[in-house]
């Protein structure tokens, strides 16, 4: 299942925010330079993410379709828990640790 926003979309949103709203307000030369460096680094991350292969989520889509149809294979709950844990480990590690 594709997560939204993607890591690339998050990078893009941060770049737009920094470049469109923060950078124009900066008068301190040092802070402006550091912001430009951060934006450049984030641009590198964006391009590296773009170079990664697209994740194949066909298996998860098939499982979701089976669940919706009432056909819940053995081990599904463990599979779903593992998937949620993996996603939370990235998106919100503190939340995951709170509920372990």
C-alpha atoms as a PDB file:
ATOM      1  CA  UNK A   1       0.000   0.000   0.000  1.00  0.00           C
ATOM      2  CA  UNK A   2       1.464   3.313  -0.984  1.00  0.00           C
ATOM      3  CA  UNK A   3       1.946   5.711   1.889  1.00  0.00           C
ATOM      4  CA  UNK A   4       1.046   9.344   1.371  1.00  0.00           C
ATOM      5  CA  UNK A   5       2.787  11.632   1.584  1.00  0.00           C
ATOM      6  CA  UNK A   6       5.799   9.800   0.210  1.00  0.00           C
ATOM      7  CA  UNK A   7       9.290  10.631   1.392  1.00  0.00           C
ATOM      8  CA  UNK A   8       9.836  12.479  -1.885  1.00  0.00           C
ATOM      9  CA  UNK A   9       6.650  14.501  -1.411  1.00  0.00           C
ATOM     10  CA  UNK A  10       7.761  15.426   2.111  1.00  0.00           C
ATOM     11  CA  UNK A  11      11.139  16.607   0.776  1.00  0.00           C
ATOM     12  CA  UNK A  12       9.408  18.627  -1.908  1.00  0.00           C
ATOM     13  CA  UNK A  13       7.046  20.256   0.601  1.00  0.00           C
ATOM     14  CA  UNK A  14       9.921  21.197   2.918  1.00  0.00           C
ATOM     15  CA  UNK A  15      11.930  22.610   0.008  1.00  0.00           C
ATOM     16  CA  UNK A  16       8.944  24.714  -1.089  1.00  0.00           C
ATOM     17  CA  UNK A  17       8.408  25.956   2.470  1.00  0.00           C
ATOM     18  CA  UNK A  18      12.051  26.854   3.029  1.00  0.00           C
ATOM     19  CA  UNK A  19      12.498  28.428  -0.392  1.00  0.00           C
ATOM     20  CA  UNK A  20       9.153  30.207  -0.585  1.00  0.00           C
ATOM     21  CA  UNK A  21       8.439  31.270   2.984  1.00  0.00           C
ATOM     22  CA  UNK A  22      11.586  31.139   5.095  1.00  0.00           C
ATOM     23  CA  UNK A  23      14.448  32.095   2.778  1.00  0.00           C
ATOM     24  CA  UNK A  24      12.894  35.390   1.626  1.00  0.00           C
ATOM     25  CA  UNK A  25      12.573  36.550   5.245  1.00  0.00           C
ATOM     26  CA  UNK A  26      16.164  35.845   6.273  1.00  0.00           C
ATOM     27  CA  UNK A  27      18.378  38.888   6.668  1.00  0.00           C
ATOM     28  CA  UNK A  28      21.149  37.208   8.656  1.00  0.00           C
ATOM     29  CA  UNK A  29      23.737  36.111   6.059  1.00  0.00           C
ATOM     30  CA  UNK A  30      24.966  33.164   8.107  1.00  0.00           C
ATOM     31  CA  UNK A  31      21.449  31.827   8.660  1.00  0.00           C
ATOM     32  CA  UNK A  32      20.583  32.364   4.997  1.00  0.00           C
ATOM     33  CA  UNK A  33      23.690  30.411   3.945  1.00  0.00           C
ATOM     34  CA  UNK A  34      22.908  27.560   6.363  1.00  0.00           C
ATOM     35  CA  UNK A  35      19.352  27.407   5.052  1.00  0.00           C
ATOM     36  CA  UNK A  36      20.631  27.191   1.488  1.00  0.00           C
ATOM     37  CA  UNK A  37      23.009  24.385   2.526  1.00  0.00           C
ATOM     38  CA  UNK A  38      20.104  22.533   4.160  1.00  0.00           C
ATOM     39  CA  UNK A  39      17.985  23.000   1.048  1.00  0.00           C
ATOM     40  CA  UNK A  40      20.798  21.660  -1.120  1.00  0.00           C
ATOM     41  CA  UNK A  41      21.176  18.601   1.141  1.00  0.00           C
ATOM     42  CA  UNK A  42      17.433  18.011   1.020  1.00  0.00           C
ATOM     43  CA  UNK A  43      17.567  18.274  -2.768  1.00  0.00           C
ATOM     44  CA  UNK A  44      20.203  15.524  -2.783  1.00  0.00           C
ATOM     45  CA  UNK A  45      17.960  13.322  -0.633  1.00  0.00           C
ATOM     46  CA  UNK A  46      15.048  14.019  -3.007  1.00  0.00           C
ATOM     47  CA  UNK A  47      17.093  12.953  -6.026  1.00  0.00           C
ATOM     48  CA  UNK A  48      18.413   9.837  -4.256  1.00  0.00           C
ATOM     49  CA  UNK A  49      14.847   8.843  -3.400  1.00  0.00           C
ATOM     50  CA  UNK A  50      13.855   9.356  -7.031  1.00  0.00           C
ATOM     51  CA  UNK A  51      16.589   6.935  -8.089  1.00  0.00           C
ATOM     52  CA  UNK A  52      15.291   4.100  -5.888  1.00  0.00           C
ATOM     53  CA  UNK A  53      13.221   1.348  -7.477  1.00  0.00           C
ATOM     54  CA  UNK A  54       9.462   1.659  -7.026  1.00  0.00           C
ATOM     55  CA  UNK A  55       8.164  -0.548  -4.220  1.00  0.00           C
ATOM     56  CA  UNK A  56       6.019  -3.423  -5.428  1.00  0.00           C
ATOM     57  CA  UNK A  57       2.983  -3.525  -3.171  1.00  0.00           C
ATOM     58  CA  UNK A  58       0.995  -6.058  -5.213  1.00  0.00           C
ATOM     59  CA  UNK A  59       1.172  -8.655  -2.447  1.00  0.00           C
ATOM     60  CA  UNK A  60      -0.235  -6.226   0.131  1.00  0.00           C
ATOM     61  CA  UNK A  61      -2.980  -5.140  -2.262  1.00  0.00           C
ATOM     62  CA  UNK A  62      -3.923  -8.783  -2.820  1.00  0.00           C
ATOM     63  CA  UNK A  63      -4.058  -9.365   0.944  1.00  0.00           C
ATOM     64  CA  UNK A  64      -6.248  -6.283   1.404  1.00  0.00           C
ATOM     65  CA  UNK A  65      -8.623  -7.538  -1.288  1.00  0.00           C
ATOM     66  CA  UNK A  66      -8.870 -10.933   0.418  1.00  0.00           C
ATOM     67  CA  UNK A  67      -9.599  -9.303   3.777  1.00  0.00           C
ATOM     68  CA  UNK A  68     -12.325  -7.130   2.227  1.00  0.00           C
ATOM     69  CA  UNK A  69     -13.835 -10.245   0.644  1.00  0.00           C
ATOM     70  CA  UNK A  70     -13.910 -11.981   4.025  1.00  0.00           C
ATOM     71  CA  UNK A  71     -11.111 -14.412   3.149  1.00  0.00           C
ATOM     72  CA  UNK A  72      -8.629 -13.857   5.961  1.00  0.00           C
ATOM     73  CA  UNK A  73      -5.659 -16.212   5.577  1.00  0.00           C
ATOM     74  CA  UNK A  74      -3.947 -17.645   8.655  1.00  0.00           C
ATOM     75  CA  UNK A  75      -1.266 -15.335  10.004  1.00  0.00           C
ATOM     76  CA  UNK A  76      -2.918 -12.198   8.643  1.00  0.00           C
ATOM     77  CA  UNK A  77      -3.084 -10.418  12.000  1.00  0.00           C
ATOM     78  CA  UNK A  78       0.625 -11.002  12.608  1.00  0.00           C
ATOM     79  CA  UNK A  79       1.397  -9.793   9.080  1.00  0.00           C
ATOM     80  CA  UNK A  80      -0.668  -6.625   9.510  1.00  0.00           C
ATOM     81  CA  UNK A  81       0.877  -5.921  12.941  1.00  0.00           C
ATOM     82  CA  UNK A  82       4.372  -6.323  11.491  1.00  0.00           C
ATOM     83  CA  UNK A  83       3.532  -3.972   8.616  1.00  0.00           C
ATOM     84  CA  UNK A  84       2.085  -1.341  10.958  1.00  0.00           C
ATOM     85  CA  UNK A  85       5.123  -1.631  13.229  1.00  0.00           C
ATOM     86  CA  UNK A  86       7.503  -1.163  10.292  1.00  0.00           C
ATOM     87  CA  UNK A  87       5.602   1.929   9.134  1.00  0.00           C
ATOM     88  CA  UNK A  88       5.489   3.407  12.639  1.00  0.00           C
ATOM     89  CA  UNK A  89       9.207   2.779  13.098  1.00  0.00           C
ATOM     90  CA  UNK A  90       9.723   5.270  10.262  1.00  0.00           C
ATOM     91  CA  UNK A  91       6.813   7.678  10.726  1.00  0.00           C
ATOM     92  CA  UNK A  92       6.556   7.915  14.514  1.00  0.00           C
ATOM     93  CA  UNK A  93       9.057   5.887  16.553  1.00  0.00           C
ATOM     94  CA  UNK A  94       7.964   7.519  19.822  1.00  0.00           C
ATOM     95  CA  UNK A  95       4.362   6.430  19.233  1.00  0.00           C
ATOM     96  CA  UNK A  96       5.526   2.876  18.582  1.00  0.00           C
ATOM     97  CA  UNK A  97       7.567   2.753  21.791  1.00  0.00           C
ATOM     98  CA  UNK A  98       4.627   4.102  23.807  1.00  0.00           C
ATOM     99  CA  UNK A  99       2.404   1.178  22.785  1.00  0.00           C
ATOM    100  CA  UNK A 100       4.814  -1.751  22.989  1.00  0.00           C
END
